[in-house]
C-alpha atoms as a PDB file:
ATOM      1  CA  MET A   1     120.068 118.594  52.586  1.00  0.00           C
ATOM      2  CA  SER A   2     122.479 118.286  55.456  1.00  0.00           C
ATOM      3  CA  SER A   3     123.742 121.582  56.726  1.00  0.00           C
ATOM      4  CA  PRO A   4     126.998 122.128  58.594  1.00  0.00           C
ATOM      5  CA  TYR A   5     125.293 124.552  61.020  1.00  0.00           C
ATOM      6  CA  ILE A   6     123.397 121.715  62.747  1.00  0.00           C
ATOM      7  CA  PRO A   7     125.477 120.966  65.861  1.00  0.00           C
ATOM      8  CA  ALA A   8     126.849 117.416  66.056  1.00  0.00           C
ATOM      9  CA  ALA A   9     125.004 116.647  69.306  1.00  0.00           C
ATOM     10  CA  LEU A  10     121.674 117.720  67.767  1.00  0.00           C
ATOM     11  CA  ARG A  11     122.377 115.710  64.617  1.00  0.00           C
ATOM     12  CA  LEU A  12     123.066 112.624  66.737  1.00  0.00           C
ATOM     13  CA  ARG A  13     119.840 113.096  68.768  1.00  0.00           C
ATOM     14  CA  VAL A  14     117.785 113.418  65.566  1.00  0.00           C
ATOM     15  CA  ALA A  15     119.496 110.359  64.049  1.00  0.00           C
ATOM     16  CA  GLU A  16     118.813 108.324  67.197  1.00  0.00           C
ATOM     17  CA  GLN A  17     115.154 109.407  67.192  1.00  0.00           C
ATOM     18  CA  ALA A  18     114.912 108.250  63.563  1.00  0.00           C
ATOM     19  CA  ARG A  19     116.636 104.963  64.491  1.00  0.00           C
ATOM     20  CA  PHE A  20     119.318 105.829  61.925  1.00  0.00           C
ATOM     21  CA  ARG A  21     116.809 105.384  59.083  1.00  0.00           C
ATOM     22  CA  CYS A  22     115.265 107.658  56.499  1.00  0.00           C
ATOM     23  CA  GLY A  23     111.973 108.894  57.899  1.00  0.00           C
ATOM     24  CA  TYR A  24     110.318 108.471  54.503  1.00  0.00           C
ATOM     25  CA  CYS A  25     111.593 105.274  52.826  1.00  0.00           C
ATOM     26  CA  GLN A  26     112.937 103.675  56.039  1.00  0.00           C
ATOM     27  CA  THR A  27     116.328 102.910  54.474  1.00  0.00           C
ATOM     28  CA  SER A  28     118.930 102.238  57.143  1.00  0.00           C
ATOM     29  CA  GLN A  29     122.165 104.219  57.331  1.00  0.00           C
ATOM     30  CA  ARG A  30     124.103 100.951  57.450  1.00  0.00           C
ATOM     31  CA  ILE A  31     122.998  99.938  53.938  1.00  0.00           C
ATOM     32  CA  ILE A  32     122.409 103.178  52.014  1.00  0.00           C
ATOM     33  CA  GLY A  33     125.997 104.181  51.254  1.00  0.00           C
ATOM     34  CA  PRO A  34     125.841 107.998  51.380  1.00  0.00           C
ATOM     35  CA  LEU A  35     125.253 109.481  54.818  1.00  0.00           C
ATOM     36  CA  LEU A  36     121.667 110.194  55.732  1.00  0.00           C
ATOM     37  CA  GLU A  37     120.924 113.900  55.908  1.00  0.00           C
ATOM     38  CA  ILE A  38     119.241 116.165  58.420  1.00  0.00           C
ATOM     39  CA  GLU A  39     116.016 117.289  56.789  1.00  0.00           C
ATOM     40  CA  HIS A  40     113.892 120.323  57.642  1.00  0.00           C
ATOM     41  CA  LEU A  41     110.284 119.089  57.744  1.00  0.00           C
ATOM     42  CA  ILE A  42     109.094 122.633  57.159  1.00  0.00           C
ATOM     43  CA  PRO A  43     111.818 124.021  54.896  1.00  0.00           C
ATOM     44  CA  LYS A  44     113.672 127.132  55.958  1.00  0.00           C
ATOM     45  CA  THR A  45     112.421 128.772  52.739  1.00  0.00           C
ATOM     46  CA  LYS A  46     108.889 128.335  54.114  1.00  0.00           C
ATOM     47  CA  GLY A  47     109.653 129.633  57.601  1.00  0.00           C
ATOM     48  CA  GLY A  48     110.927 126.401  59.149  1.00  0.00           C
ATOM     49  CA  THR A  49     113.590 126.491  61.828  1.00  0.00           C
ATOM     50  CA  SER A  50     116.543 124.320  62.741  1.00  0.00           C
ATOM     51  CA  ASP A  51     114.933 123.439  66.078  1.00  0.00           C
ATOM     52  CA  GLU A  52     114.938 119.731  66.918  1.00  0.00           C
ATOM     53  CA  GLY A  53     111.164 119.424  66.437  1.00  0.00           C
ATOM     54  CA  ASN A  54     111.477 120.481  62.790  1.00  0.00           C
ATOM     55  CA  LEU A  55     114.351 118.144  61.945  1.00  0.00           C
ATOM     56  CA  PHE A  56     114.418 114.494  60.948  1.00  0.00           C
ATOM     57  CA  LEU A  57     116.675 112.095  59.090  1.00  0.00           C
ATOM     58  CA  ALA A  58     116.276 111.485  55.352  1.00  0.00           C
ATOM     59  CA  CYS A  59     118.260 109.683  52.699  1.00  0.00           C
ATOM     60  CA  PRO A  60     119.748 111.904  49.984  1.00  0.00           C
ATOM     61  CA  ARG A  61     117.239 110.518  47.453  1.00  0.00           C
ATOM     62  CA  CYS A  62     114.114 111.328  49.494  1.00  0.00           C
ATOM     63  CA  ASN A  63     115.484 114.636  50.752  1.00  0.00           C
ATOM     64  CA  GLY A  64     116.460 115.718  47.243  1.00  0.00           C
ATOM     65  CA  HIS A  65     113.032 114.919  45.816  1.00  0.00           C
ATOM     66  CA  LYS A  66     111.248 116.540  48.747  1.00  0.00           C
ATOM     67  CA  SER A  67     113.246 119.745  48.341  1.00  0.00           C
ATOM     68  CA  ASN A  68     111.133 122.560  49.807  1.00  0.00           C
ATOM     69  CA  ARG A  69     107.767 120.813  49.429  1.00  0.00           C
ATOM     70  CA  VAL A  70     105.277 120.540  52.263  1.00  0.00           C
ATOM     71  CA  GLU A  71     102.389 119.147  50.208  1.00  0.00           C
ATOM     72  CA  ALA A  72     101.765 117.120  47.065  1.00  0.00           C
ATOM     73  CA  VAL A  73      98.986 115.662  44.963  1.00  0.00           C
ATOM     74  CA  ASP A  74      97.566 112.247  45.821  1.00  0.00           C
ATOM     75  CA  PRO A  75      97.622 110.415  42.456  1.00  0.00           C
ATOM     76  CA  GLU A  76      94.435 108.517  43.365  1.00  0.00           C
ATOM     77  CA  SER A  77      92.124 111.307  44.581  1.00  0.00           C
ATOM     78  CA  LEU A  78      93.945 114.133  42.743  1.00  0.00           C
ATOM     79  CA  THR A  79      93.712 116.279  45.877  1.00  0.00           C
ATOM     80  CA  THR A  80      96.592 118.243  47.337  1.00  0.00           C
ATOM     81  CA  VAL A  81      97.512 117.005  50.806  1.00  0.00           C
ATOM     82  CA  PRO A  82     100.335 117.628  53.286  1.00  0.00           C
ATOM     83  CA  LEU A  83     103.372 115.379  52.980  1.00  0.00           C
ATOM     84  CA  PHE A  84     103.908 112.690  55.584  1.00  0.00           C
ATOM     85  CA  ASN A  85     105.651 114.023  58.706  1.00  0.00           C
ATOM     86  CA  PRO A  86     107.980 111.288  60.032  1.00  0.00           C
ATOM     87  CA  ARG A  87     108.421 113.070  63.351  1.00  0.00           C
ATOM     88  CA  ALA A  88     104.736 113.422  64.151  1.00  0.00           C
ATOM     89  CA  GLU A  89     103.047 110.542  62.310  1.00  0.00           C
ATOM     90  CA  SER A  90     103.240 106.762  62.249  1.00  0.00           C
ATOM     91  CA  TRP A  91     104.870 105.282  59.133  1.00  0.00           C
ATOM     92  CA  GLU A  92     102.688 102.161  59.413  1.00  0.00           C
ATOM     93  CA  GLU A  93      99.517 104.259  59.325  1.00  0.00           C
ATOM     94  CA  HIS A  94     100.386 105.750  55.933  1.00  0.00           C
ATOM     95  CA  PHE A  95     102.586 103.115  54.241  1.00  0.00           C
ATOM     96  CA  GLU A  96     103.146  99.401  53.903  1.00  0.00           C
ATOM     97  CA  TRP A  97     105.677  97.130  52.221  1.00  0.00           C
ATOM     98  CA  THR A  98     104.612  95.115  49.174  1.00  0.00           C
ATOM     99  CA  GLU A  99     106.493  92.795  46.847  1.00  0.00           C
ATOM    100  CA  ALA A 100     108.311  91.183  49.793  1.00  0.00           C
ATOM    101  CA  GLY A 101     109.568  94.517  51.107  1.00  0.00           C
ATOM    102  CA  ALA A 102     110.823  96.066  47.862  1.00  0.00           C
ATOM    103  CA  VAL A 103     107.954  98.445  47.098  1.00  0.00           C
ATOM    104  CA  ILE A 104     106.281 100.994  49.353  1.00  0.00           C
ATOM    105  CA  ARG A 105     102.518 101.332  48.974  1.00  0.00           C
ATOM    106  CA  GLY A 106     100.577 104.312  50.278  1.00  0.00           C
ATOM    107  CA  LYS A 107      97.645 103.375  52.501  1.00  0.00           C
ATOM    108  CA  THR A 108      96.331 106.954  52.757  1.00  0.00           C
ATOM    109  CA  SER A 109      96.170 109.987  50.508  1.00  0.00           C
ATOM    110  CA  LYS A 110      99.099 111.451  52.444  1.00  0.00           C
ATOM    111  CA  GLY A 111     101.103 108.246  51.947  1.00  0.00           C
ATOM    112  CA  ARG A 112     100.354 108.065  48.221  1.00  0.00           C
ATOM    113  CA  ALA A 113     101.166 111.755  47.712  1.00  0.00           C
ATOM    114  CA  THR A 114     104.462 111.407  49.609  1.00  0.00           C
ATOM    115  CA  ILE A 115     105.477 108.337  47.584  1.00  0.00           C
ATOM    116  CA  ALA A 116     104.730 110.164  44.334  1.00  0.00           C
ATOM    117  CA  ALA A 117     106.436 113.429  45.340  1.00  0.00           C
ATOM    118  CA  LEU A 118     109.573 111.753  46.679  1.00  0.00           C
ATOM    119  CA  ASN A 119     109.733 109.143  43.884  1.00  0.00           C
ATOM    120  CA  MET A 120     110.092 106.462  46.532  1.00  0.00           C
ATOM    121  CA  ASN A 121     109.629 103.521  44.150  1.00  0.00           C
ATOM    122  CA  LEU A 122     111.925 104.363  41.261  1.00  0.00           C
ATOM    123  CA  PRO A 123     113.152 101.168  39.551  1.00  0.00           C
ATOM    124  CA  ASP A 124     116.752 101.509  40.751  1.00  0.00           C
ATOM    125  CA  ILE A 125     115.831 101.816  44.434  1.00  0.00           C
ATOM    126  CA  VAL A 126     113.301  98.966  44.158  1.00  0.00           C
ATOM    127  CA  ALA A 127     116.049  96.793  42.632  1.00  0.00           C
ATOM    128  CA  ALA A 128     118.399  97.745  45.475  1.00  0.00           C
ATOM    129  CA  ARG A 129     115.709  96.953  48.055  1.00  0.00           C
ATOM    130  CA  ARG A 130     115.251  93.501  46.492  1.00  0.00           C
ATOM    131  CA  LEU A 131     118.954  92.820  47.070  1.00  0.00           C
ATOM    132  CA  TRP A 132     118.747  94.157  50.627  1.00  0.00           C
ATOM    133  CA  VAL A 133     115.794  91.838  51.282  1.00  0.00           C
ATOM    134  CA  LEU A 134     117.822  88.867  50.010  1.00  0.00           C
ATOM    135  CA  ALA A 135     120.649  89.836  52.362  1.00  0.00           C
ATOM    136  CA  GLY A 136     118.203  90.066  55.286  1.00  0.00           C
ATOM    137  CA  TRP A 137     118.786  93.793  55.774  1.00  0.00           C
ATOM    138  CA  HIS A 138     115.392  95.088  54.703  1.00  0.00           C
ATOM    139  CA  PRO A 139     112.626  95.954  55.394  1.00  0.00           C
ATOM    140  CA  PRO A 140     113.175  97.200  58.943  1.00  0.00           C
ATOM    141  CA  ALA A 141     111.789  94.889  61.615  1.00  0.00           C
ATOM    142  CA  GLU A 142     109.991  97.663  63.517  1.00  0.00           C
END
């Protein structure tokens, strides 16, 4: 969750690096409603710091479901794998859009585990994405 101790200049740099989108579900700040949050990739409870390299942008939904997790079970292979790291890894390598941009599909065990752990395809967010697609706001072009 967003923390007031992250200086404004650092928050802006992280948001710019994330292109003002959630690092996990790619939802843009301009369409989400609630402000995107600064997320600790390695949670402070697990020794993570508030250094720029450990921070990224996340929507409240993804950040809340991630909580202090750093790994999850891939529902296909049933193996425990690290969660996707939006700062260090390519979204396109691990995920793709299906159903015209409304549903996120995991292409790798890490992608599938992250989708499951963060509940990235709950019916209400998929319905919202369908509306965003109709409006031409989603999915992100790059």
